[in-house]
Amino acid sequence: MLYVPIAKASATFCFPAISLWDVNVNVDLATGNLTKVVELRPFSSSSNFSSLSANVTGAPLFGRAYNGVHFDLPNPDPFVLDRQTATRTQLPAAVFQAAVQSPQGLIGSFDAGKFVDLSTSVYTTYLNLIARNVYFIVNQTEPEPLTIQVKTFQNRVWL
């Protein structure tokens, strides 16, 4: 039997997007689970927490989603450039490792077209981890008011 390799390729293009909304959120304090999110209206300068939106709507992002891979800075220092290089190396390595550890294995992942799914999973996990530090910041000097409505449910026995 003659072995003839077959060329295979897989590509993933990502164009992250972000939109800001005013929402009502229900949280179960006993479990810490988010139980309901209701979109109210698009976020505006008159919205609660608008003073904290500058890192998303103002410089340096100006409403663009942070992709976590490319930093477009005017004069980056060597540490920023090294972090960018490390990220660009680690993400493909994580996708490769996920393919190796998948039930299909590396070759099976190529054959089954799983690299798009694996790339999406790894990249989404990465963005979720960094989003907390990029988007969810606390303003210690000027705290915003937070409206909370607490409901309790108690079991009662009626005789």
N, C-alpha and C. Protein backbone atom coordinates (compact mmCIF):
# COMPACT_ATOMS: atom_id res chain seq x y z
N MET A 1 0.84 -1.18 0.00
CA MET A 1 0.00 0.00 0.00
C MET A 1 0.89 1.24 0.00
N LEU A 2 0.61 2.12 -0.90
CA LEU A 2 1.39 3.33 -1.04
C LEU A 2 0.73 4.45 -0.23
N TYR A 3 1.53 5.11 0.60
CA TYR A 3 1.02 6.23 1.41
C TYR A 3 1.13 7.51 0.60
N VAL A 4 0.01 8.17 0.39
CA VAL A 4 -0.02 9.45 -0.32
C VAL A 4 -0.70 10.46 0.60
N PRO A 5 0.06 11.41 1.15
CA PRO A 5 -0.56 12.40 2.04
C PRO A 5 -1.50 13.33 1.27
N ILE A 6 -2.54 13.73 1.96
CA ILE A 6 -3.53 14.65 1.39
C ILE A 6 -3.44 15.96 2.16
N ALA A 7 -3.25 17.04 1.43
CA ALA A 7 -3.16 18.35 2.08
C ALA A 7 -4.52 18.74 2.64
N LYS A 8 -4.51 19.27 3.86
CA LYS A 8 -5.74 19.74 4.50
C LYS A 8 -5.44 21.09 5.14
N ALA A 9 -6.44 21.92 5.20
CA ALA A 9 -6.27 23.23 5.81
C ALA A 9 -7.55 23.62 6.54
N SER A 10 -7.40 24.47 7.51
CA SER A 10 -8.55 24.98 8.25
C SER A 10 -8.23 26.42 8.63
N ALA A 11 -9.19 27.30 8.49
CA ALA A 11 -8.97 28.71 8.82
C ALA A 11 -10.15 29.24 9.62
N THR A 12 -9.84 30.11 10.55
CA THR A 12 -10.86 30.75 11.35
C THR A 12 -10.61 32.25 11.32
N PHE A 13 -11.63 33.01 10.98
CA PHE A 13 -11.54 34.46 11.00
C PHE A 13 -12.47 34.96 12.10
N CYS A 14 -11.96 35.83 12.93
CA CYS A 14 -12.75 36.35 14.04
C CYS A 14 -12.87 37.85 13.91
N PHE A 15 -14.07 38.34 14.06
CA PHE A 15 -14.31 39.77 14.08
C PHE A 15 -15.19 40.05 15.29
N PRO A 16 -14.56 40.24 16.46
CA PRO A 16 -15.37 40.45 17.66
C PRO A 16 -16.15 41.76 17.60
N ALA A 17 -17.31 41.76 18.22
CA ALA A 17 -18.16 42.96 18.27
C ALA A 17 -18.66 43.14 19.69
N ILE A 18 -19.03 44.36 20.00
CA ILE A 18 -19.55 44.65 21.33
C ILE A 18 -20.68 45.67 21.21
N SER A 19 -21.71 45.49 22.02
CA SER A 19 -22.78 46.49 22.12
C SER A 19 -23.15 46.62 23.59
N LEU A 20 -23.45 47.82 23.99
CA LEU A 20 -23.77 48.11 25.39
C LEU A 20 -25.26 48.29 25.55
N TRP A 21 -25.82 47.71 26.61
CA TRP A 21 -27.25 47.78 26.88
C TRP A 21 -27.50 48.06 28.35
N ASP A 22 -28.57 48.78 28.62
CA ASP A 22 -29.10 48.86 29.98
C ASP A 22 -29.93 47.62 30.18
N VAL A 23 -29.73 46.94 31.30
CA VAL A 23 -30.43 45.68 31.54
C VAL A 23 -30.92 45.60 32.98
N ASN A 24 -31.93 44.79 33.18
CA ASN A 24 -32.33 44.36 34.51
C ASN A 24 -31.81 42.94 34.69
N VAL A 25 -31.20 42.69 35.83
CA VAL A 25 -30.58 41.39 36.08
C VAL A 25 -31.15 40.81 37.36
N ASN A 26 -31.53 39.53 37.31
CA ASN A 26 -31.97 38.81 38.50
C ASN A 26 -30.88 37.82 38.90
N VAL A 27 -30.51 37.86 40.18
CA VAL A 27 -29.47 36.97 40.70
C VAL A 27 -30.04 36.24 41.90
N ASP A 28 -29.83 34.94 41.94
CA ASP A 28 -30.19 34.14 43.10
C ASP A 28 -29.03 34.24 44.08
N LEU A 29 -29.21 35.00 45.16
CA LEU A 29 -28.11 35.23 46.10
C LEU A 29 -27.70 33.96 46.83
N ALA A 30 -28.61 33.04 47.01
CA ALA A 30 -28.27 31.80 47.70
C ALA A 30 -27.27 30.96 46.91
N THR A 31 -27.44 30.93 45.60
CA THR A 31 -26.56 30.11 44.76
C THR A 31 -25.54 30.94 43.98
N GLY A 32 -25.80 32.25 43.87
CA GLY A 32 -24.93 33.10 43.08
C GLY A 32 -25.18 32.98 41.58
N ASN A 33 -26.27 32.32 41.20
CA ASN A 33 -26.58 32.13 39.77
C ASN A 33 -27.31 33.34 39.21
N LEU A 34 -26.98 33.67 37.99
CA LEU A 34 -27.68 34.69 37.24
C LEU A 34 -28.92 34.01 36.66
N THR A 35 -30.11 34.45 37.07
CA THR A 35 -31.32 33.74 36.67
C THR A 35 -32.08 34.40 35.53
N LYS A 36 -31.87 35.71 35.32
CA LYS A 36 -32.62 36.40 34.27
C LYS A 36 -31.92 37.70 33.90
N VAL A 37 -31.85 37.98 32.61
CA VAL A 37 -31.34 39.26 32.11
C VAL A 37 -32.35 39.78 31.10
N VAL A 38 -32.85 40.99 31.32
CA VAL A 38 -33.82 41.60 30.42
C VAL A 38 -33.19 42.87 29.83
N GLU A 39 -33.08 42.92 28.50
CA GLU A 39 -32.57 44.11 27.84
C GLU A 39 -33.63 45.20 27.92
N LEU A 40 -33.24 46.40 28.38
CA LEU A 40 -34.18 47.50 28.49
C LEU A 40 -34.08 48.46 27.30
N ARG A 41 -32.86 48.90 27.00
CA ARG A 41 -32.64 49.86 25.92
C ARG A 41 -31.13 49.92 25.65
N PRO A 42 -30.76 50.44 24.50
CA PRO A 42 -29.32 50.62 24.25
C PRO A 42 -28.71 51.58 25.26
N PHE A 43 -27.50 51.33 25.62
CA PHE A 43 -26.75 52.14 26.57
C PHE A 43 -26.51 53.53 26.00
N SER A 44 -26.60 54.56 26.83
CA SER A 44 -26.36 55.93 26.38
C SER A 44 -25.60 56.68 27.46
N SER A 45 -25.29 57.92 27.20
CA SER A 45 -24.55 58.72 28.17
C SER A 45 -25.39 59.03 29.41
N SER A 46 -26.71 58.87 29.33
CA SER A 46 -27.55 59.11 30.51
C SER A 46 -27.81 57.82 31.30
N SER A 47 -27.25 56.70 30.89
CA SER A 47 -27.45 55.43 31.58
C SER A 47 -26.67 55.40 32.89
N ASN A 48 -27.17 54.57 33.81
CA ASN A 48 -26.39 54.31 35.02
C ASN A 48 -25.05 53.74 34.60
N PHE A 49 -24.03 54.05 35.34
CA PHE A 49 -22.68 53.55 35.11
C PHE A 49 -22.06 54.10 33.83
N SER A 50 -22.64 55.16 33.25
CA SER A 50 -22.06 55.73 32.03
C SER A 50 -20.67 56.30 32.28
N SER A 51 -20.39 56.70 33.52
CA SER A 51 -19.05 57.22 33.81
C SER A 51 -18.00 56.13 33.71
N LEU A 52 -18.41 54.88 33.79
CA LEU A 52 -17.45 53.77 33.71
C LEU A 52 -17.32 53.22 32.30
N SER A 53 -18.04 53.78 31.36
CA SER A 53 -18.03 53.21 30.00
C SER A 53 -16.89 53.74 29.15
N ALA A 54 -16.11 54.67 29.67
CA ALA A 54 -15.06 55.28 28.85
C ALA A 54 -14.05 54.26 28.35
N ASN A 55 -13.78 53.21 29.13
CA ASN A 55 -12.81 52.24 28.66
C ASN A 55 -13.35 51.41 27.50
N VAL A 56 -14.66 51.48 27.23
CA VAL A 56 -15.25 50.78 26.09
C VAL A 56 -15.61 51.77 24.99
N THR A 57 -16.26 52.87 25.35
CA THR A 57 -16.75 53.81 24.34
C THR A 57 -15.73 54.90 24.00
N GLY A 58 -14.77 55.13 24.89
CA GLY A 58 -13.75 56.16 24.64
C GLY A 58 -12.41 55.54 24.31
N ALA A 59 -11.37 56.34 24.46
CA ALA A 59 -10.01 55.87 24.17
C ALA A 59 -9.63 54.74 25.14
N PRO A 60 -8.92 53.75 24.73
CA PRO A 60 -8.35 53.54 23.41
C PRO A 60 -9.22 52.67 22.49
N LEU A 61 -10.35 52.15 22.99
CA LEU A 61 -11.12 51.19 22.19
C LEU A 61 -12.13 51.86 21.25
N PHE A 62 -12.71 52.97 21.67
CA PHE A 62 -13.68 53.71 20.85
C PHE A 62 -14.79 52.82 20.29
N GLY A 63 -15.35 51.96 21.14
CA GLY A 63 -16.46 51.11 20.74
C GLY A 63 -16.08 49.84 20.02
N ARG A 64 -14.81 49.66 19.74
CA ARG A 64 -14.37 48.42 19.09
C ARG A 64 -14.14 47.37 20.16
N ALA A 65 -14.48 46.15 19.84
CA ALA A 65 -14.25 45.05 20.78
C ALA A 65 -12.76 44.76 20.86
N TYR A 66 -12.30 44.48 22.05
CA TYR A 66 -10.90 44.14 22.29
C TYR A 66 -10.70 42.70 21.86
N ASN A 67 -9.81 42.45 20.91
CA ASN A 67 -9.63 41.08 20.44
C ASN A 67 -8.60 40.31 21.24
N GLY A 68 -7.82 40.99 22.06
CA GLY A 68 -6.88 40.30 22.93
C GLY A 68 -5.64 39.78 22.25
N VAL A 69 -5.52 39.97 20.95
CA VAL A 69 -4.37 39.43 20.22
C VAL A 69 -3.51 40.53 19.63
N HIS A 70 -4.13 41.57 19.12
CA HIS A 70 -3.38 42.65 18.47
C HIS A 70 -3.54 43.93 19.26
N PHE A 71 -2.43 44.54 19.64
CA PHE A 71 -2.44 45.80 20.36
C PHE A 71 -1.95 46.89 19.43
N ASP A 72 -2.80 47.82 19.08
CA ASP A 72 -2.43 48.89 18.18
C ASP A 72 -2.05 50.11 19.01
N LEU A 73 -0.83 50.11 19.52
CA LEU A 73 -0.36 51.18 20.38
C LEU A 73 0.70 52.00 19.66
N PRO A 74 0.73 53.33 19.90
CA PRO A 74 1.70 54.17 19.18
C PRO A 74 3.16 53.84 19.51
N ASN A 75 3.49 53.68 20.78
CA ASN A 75 4.87 53.40 21.19
C ASN A 75 4.89 52.32 22.26
N PRO A 76 4.61 51.07 21.88
CA PRO A 76 4.56 50.01 22.90
C PRO A 76 5.97 49.71 23.44
N ASP A 77 6.01 49.41 24.73
CA ASP A 77 7.30 49.04 25.31
C ASP A 77 7.57 47.56 25.02
N PRO A 78 8.79 47.09 25.26
CA PRO A 78 9.14 45.71 24.94
C PRO A 78 8.29 44.68 25.68
N PHE A 79 7.81 45.02 26.87
CA PHE A 79 7.00 44.08 27.64
C PHE A 79 5.64 43.86 26.99
N VAL A 80 5.04 44.93 26.47
CA VAL A 80 3.76 44.81 25.77
C VAL A 80 3.94 43.98 24.51
N LEU A 81 5.01 44.24 23.77
CA LEU A 81 5.27 43.47 22.55
C LEU A 81 5.52 42.00 22.86
N ASP A 82 6.23 41.71 23.95
CA ASP A 82 6.46 40.32 24.34
C ASP A 82 5.17 39.64 24.76
N ARG A 83 4.29 40.38 25.45
CA ARG A 83 2.99 39.81 25.83
C ARG A 83 2.16 39.51 24.59
N GLN A 84 2.23 40.39 23.60
CA GLN A 84 1.51 40.16 22.35
C GLN A 84 2.06 38.92 21.64
N THR A 85 3.35 38.78 21.58
CA THR A 85 3.97 37.61 20.95
C THR A 85 3.59 36.33 21.69
N ALA A 86 3.62 36.38 23.01
CA ALA A 86 3.27 35.20 23.80
C ALA A 86 1.83 34.79 23.57
N THR A 87 0.93 35.76 23.51
CA THR A 87 -0.49 35.45 23.26
C THR A 87 -0.67 34.85 21.88
N ARG A 88 -0.01 35.42 20.90
CA ARG A 88 -0.12 34.91 19.52
C ARG A 88 0.45 33.50 19.40
N THR A 89 1.35 33.14 20.28
CA THR A 89 1.91 31.79 20.27
C THR A 89 1.04 30.82 21.07
N GLN A 90 0.54 31.27 22.20
CA GLN A 90 -0.20 30.39 23.11
C GLN A 90 -1.57 29.99 22.59
N LEU A 91 -2.27 30.91 21.91
CA LEU A 91 -3.61 30.56 21.43
C LEU A 91 -3.57 29.43 20.40
N PRO A 92 -2.74 29.49 19.37
CA PRO A 92 -2.68 28.35 18.44
C PRO A 92 -2.20 27.07 19.13
N ALA A 93 -1.27 27.22 20.08
CA ALA A 93 -0.80 26.04 20.81
C ALA A 93 -1.92 25.41 21.63
N ALA A 94 -2.78 26.25 22.21
CA ALA A 94 -3.91 25.73 22.99
C ALA A 94 -4.91 25.02 22.08
N VAL A 95 -5.14 25.53 20.88
CA VAL A 95 -6.04 24.87 19.93
C VAL A 95 -5.44 23.53 19.51
N PHE A 96 -4.15 23.51 19.22
CA PHE A 96 -3.47 22.27 18.85
C PHE A 96 -3.57 21.25 19.98
N GLN A 97 -3.32 21.69 21.22
CA GLN A 97 -3.40 20.78 22.37
C GLN A 97 -4.82 20.27 22.57
N ALA A 98 -5.81 21.12 22.36
CA ALA A 98 -7.21 20.68 22.47
C ALA A 98 -7.52 19.61 21.42
N ALA A 99 -6.96 19.77 20.22
CA ALA A 99 -7.17 18.75 19.17
C ALA A 99 -6.49 17.44 19.55
N VAL A 100 -5.29 17.53 20.07
CA VAL A 100 -4.56 16.32 20.49
C VAL A 100 -5.34 15.58 21.58
N GLN A 101 -5.92 16.31 22.52
CA GLN A 101 -6.63 15.70 23.65
C GLN A 101 -8.09 15.38 23.35
N SER A 102 -8.58 15.74 22.18
CA SER A 102 -9.98 15.45 21.84
C SER A 102 -10.16 13.96 21.60
N PRO A 103 -11.40 13.47 21.69
CA PRO A 103 -11.64 12.04 21.45
C PRO A 103 -11.19 11.58 20.06
N GLN A 104 -11.25 12.47 19.08
CA GLN A 104 -10.85 12.10 17.71
C GLN A 104 -9.33 12.13 17.54
N GLY A 105 -8.62 12.82 18.42
CA GLY A 105 -7.19 12.99 18.26
C GLY A 105 -6.89 14.06 17.23
N LEU A 106 -5.61 14.29 16.98
CA LEU A 106 -5.19 15.36 16.08
C LEU A 106 -5.66 15.12 14.65
N ILE A 107 -5.36 13.96 14.09
CA ILE A 107 -5.73 13.66 12.71
C ILE A 107 -7.25 13.60 12.57
N GLY A 108 -7.91 12.98 13.55
CA GLY A 108 -9.36 12.89 13.51
C GLY A 108 -10.04 14.25 13.58
N SER A 109 -9.42 15.20 14.30
CA SER A 109 -9.97 16.55 14.38
C SER A 109 -9.90 17.24 13.03
N PHE A 110 -8.78 17.02 12.30
CA PHE A 110 -8.69 17.55 10.93
C PHE A 110 -9.74 16.89 10.04
N ASP A 111 -9.83 15.57 10.12
CA ASP A 111 -10.76 14.84 9.26
C ASP A 111 -12.21 15.25 9.52
N ALA A 112 -12.54 15.50 10.79
CA ALA A 112 -13.92 15.84 11.16
C ALA A 112 -14.19 17.35 11.07
N GLY A 113 -13.19 18.13 10.69
CA GLY A 113 -13.39 19.59 10.59
C GLY A 113 -13.63 20.24 11.94
N LYS A 114 -12.97 19.77 12.98
CA LYS A 114 -13.21 20.26 14.34
C LYS A 114 -12.38 21.48 14.72
N PHE A 115 -11.44 21.89 13.87
CA PHE A 115 -10.56 22.99 14.27
C PHE A 115 -11.29 24.32 14.42
N VAL A 116 -12.34 24.54 13.67
CA VAL A 116 -13.12 25.77 13.84
C VAL A 116 -13.78 25.77 15.21
N ASP A 117 -14.39 24.64 15.59
CA ASP A 117 -15.03 24.55 16.91
C ASP A 117 -14.00 24.68 18.03
N LEU A 118 -12.86 24.02 17.88
CA LEU A 118 -11.81 24.10 18.91
C LEU A 118 -11.27 25.52 19.02
N SER A 119 -11.06 26.19 17.88
CA SER A 119 -10.57 27.57 17.90
C SER A 119 -11.57 28.49 18.57
N THR A 120 -12.85 28.30 18.26
CA THR A 120 -13.90 29.11 18.88
C THR A 120 -13.92 28.91 20.38
N SER A 121 -13.82 27.68 20.82
CA SER A 121 -13.84 27.37 22.25
C SER A 121 -12.65 27.99 22.98
N VAL A 122 -11.46 27.82 22.44
CA VAL A 122 -10.25 28.35 23.09
C VAL A 122 -10.27 29.88 23.09
N TYR A 123 -10.60 30.48 21.96
CA TYR A 123 -10.58 31.94 21.85
C TYR A 123 -11.66 32.57 22.73
N THR A 124 -12.84 31.97 22.77
CA THR A 124 -13.93 32.48 23.61
C THR A 124 -13.54 32.39 25.09
N THR A 125 -12.95 31.29 25.49
CA THR A 125 -12.49 31.15 26.88
C THR A 125 -11.46 32.22 27.21
N TYR A 126 -10.53 32.43 26.30
CA TYR A 126 -9.50 33.46 26.50
C TYR A 126 -10.13 34.85 26.64
N LEU A 127 -11.05 35.19 25.73
CA LEU A 127 -11.69 36.51 25.81
C LEU A 127 -12.49 36.67 27.09
N ASN A 128 -13.16 35.60 27.53
CA ASN A 128 -13.90 35.67 28.79
C ASN A 128 -12.98 35.97 29.97
N LEU A 129 -11.81 35.37 29.95
CA LEU A 129 -10.87 35.59 31.06
C LEU A 129 -10.33 37.01 31.09
N ILE A 130 -10.03 37.58 29.93
CA ILE A 130 -9.46 38.93 29.93
C ILE A 130 -10.51 40.02 29.99
N ALA A 131 -11.76 39.70 29.62
CA ALA A 131 -12.82 40.73 29.60
C ALA A 131 -13.05 41.31 30.99
N ARG A 132 -12.88 40.52 32.01
CA ARG A 132 -13.12 41.02 33.36
C ARG A 132 -12.19 42.18 33.70
N ASN A 133 -10.94 42.09 33.26
CA ASN A 133 -9.99 43.15 33.55
C ASN A 133 -10.09 44.32 32.58
N VAL A 134 -10.62 44.09 31.39
CA VAL A 134 -10.72 45.15 30.40
C VAL A 134 -12.02 45.93 30.55
N TYR A 135 -13.13 45.22 30.70
CA TYR A 135 -14.44 45.86 30.67
C TYR A 135 -15.06 46.08 32.05
N PHE A 136 -14.85 45.19 32.98
CA PHE A 136 -15.53 45.28 34.27
C PHE A 136 -14.58 45.85 35.32
N ILE A 137 -14.58 47.17 35.40
CA ILE A 137 -13.71 47.85 36.35
C ILE A 137 -14.56 48.57 37.38
N VAL A 138 -13.98 48.79 38.54
CA VAL A 138 -14.68 49.47 39.62
C VAL A 138 -14.10 50.87 39.78
N ASN A 139 -14.96 51.85 39.84
CA ASN A 139 -14.54 53.23 40.06
C ASN A 139 -14.53 53.47 41.57
N GLN A 140 -13.35 53.42 42.16
CA GLN A 140 -13.23 53.56 43.61
C GLN A 140 -13.46 55.01 44.08
N THR A 141 -13.18 55.98 43.22
CA THR A 141 -13.27 57.38 43.65
C THR A 141 -14.68 57.93 43.56
N GLU A 142 -15.46 57.50 42.58
CA GLU A 142 -16.83 57.99 42.41
C GLU A 142 -17.78 56.81 42.19
N PRO A 143 -18.15 56.11 43.27
CA PRO A 143 -19.02 54.95 43.08
C PRO A 143 -20.39 55.34 42.53
N GLU A 144 -20.91 54.53 41.62
CA GLU A 144 -22.22 54.75 41.03
C GLU A 144 -23.30 54.12 41.93
N PRO A 145 -24.48 54.75 42.00
CA PRO A 145 -25.56 54.13 42.77
C PRO A 145 -26.05 52.86 42.07
N LEU A 146 -26.38 51.88 42.83
CA LEU A 146 -26.86 50.61 42.30
C LEU A 146 -28.21 50.32 42.94
N THR A 147 -29.25 50.24 42.14
CA THR A 147 -30.59 49.97 42.64
C THR A 147 -30.78 48.47 42.79
N ILE A 148 -31.16 48.06 43.99
CA ILE A 148 -31.34 46.64 44.27
C ILE A 148 -32.74 46.43 44.82
N GLN A 149 -33.41 45.43 44.31
CA GLN A 149 -34.71 45.02 44.83
C GLN A 149 -34.55 43.60 45.34
N VAL A 150 -34.84 43.38 46.62
CA VAL A 150 -34.64 42.07 47.22
C VAL A 150 -36.00 41.43 47.45
N LYS A 151 -36.12 40.19 47.00
CA LYS A 151 -37.34 39.42 47.23
C LYS A 151 -36.96 38.17 48.00
N THR A 152 -37.79 37.81 48.96
CA THR A 152 -37.54 36.57 49.69
C THR A 152 -38.75 35.66 49.54
N PHE A 153 -38.49 34.41 49.50
CA PHE A 153 -39.54 33.40 49.41
C PHE A 153 -39.41 32.51 50.64
N GLN A 154 -40.49 32.45 51.42
CA GLN A 154 -40.46 31.64 52.64
C GLN A 154 -41.58 30.62 52.56
N ASN A 155 -41.26 29.41 52.96
CA ASN A 155 -42.27 28.36 53.00
C ASN A 155 -43.12 28.56 54.26
N ARG A 156 -44.42 28.46 54.10
CA ARG A 156 -45.34 28.63 55.23
C ARG A 156 -46.29 27.44 55.25
N VAL A 157 -46.65 27.06 56.41
CA VAL A 157 -47.63 25.98 56.57
C VAL A 157 -48.92 26.61 57.08
N TRP A 158 -50.00 26.44 56.32
CA TRP A 158 -51.30 26.96 56.72
C TRP A 158 -52.13 25.80 57.24
N LEU A 159 -52.70 25.98 58.41
CA LEU A 159 -53.55 24.94 58.99
C LEU A 159 -54.99 25.36 58.97
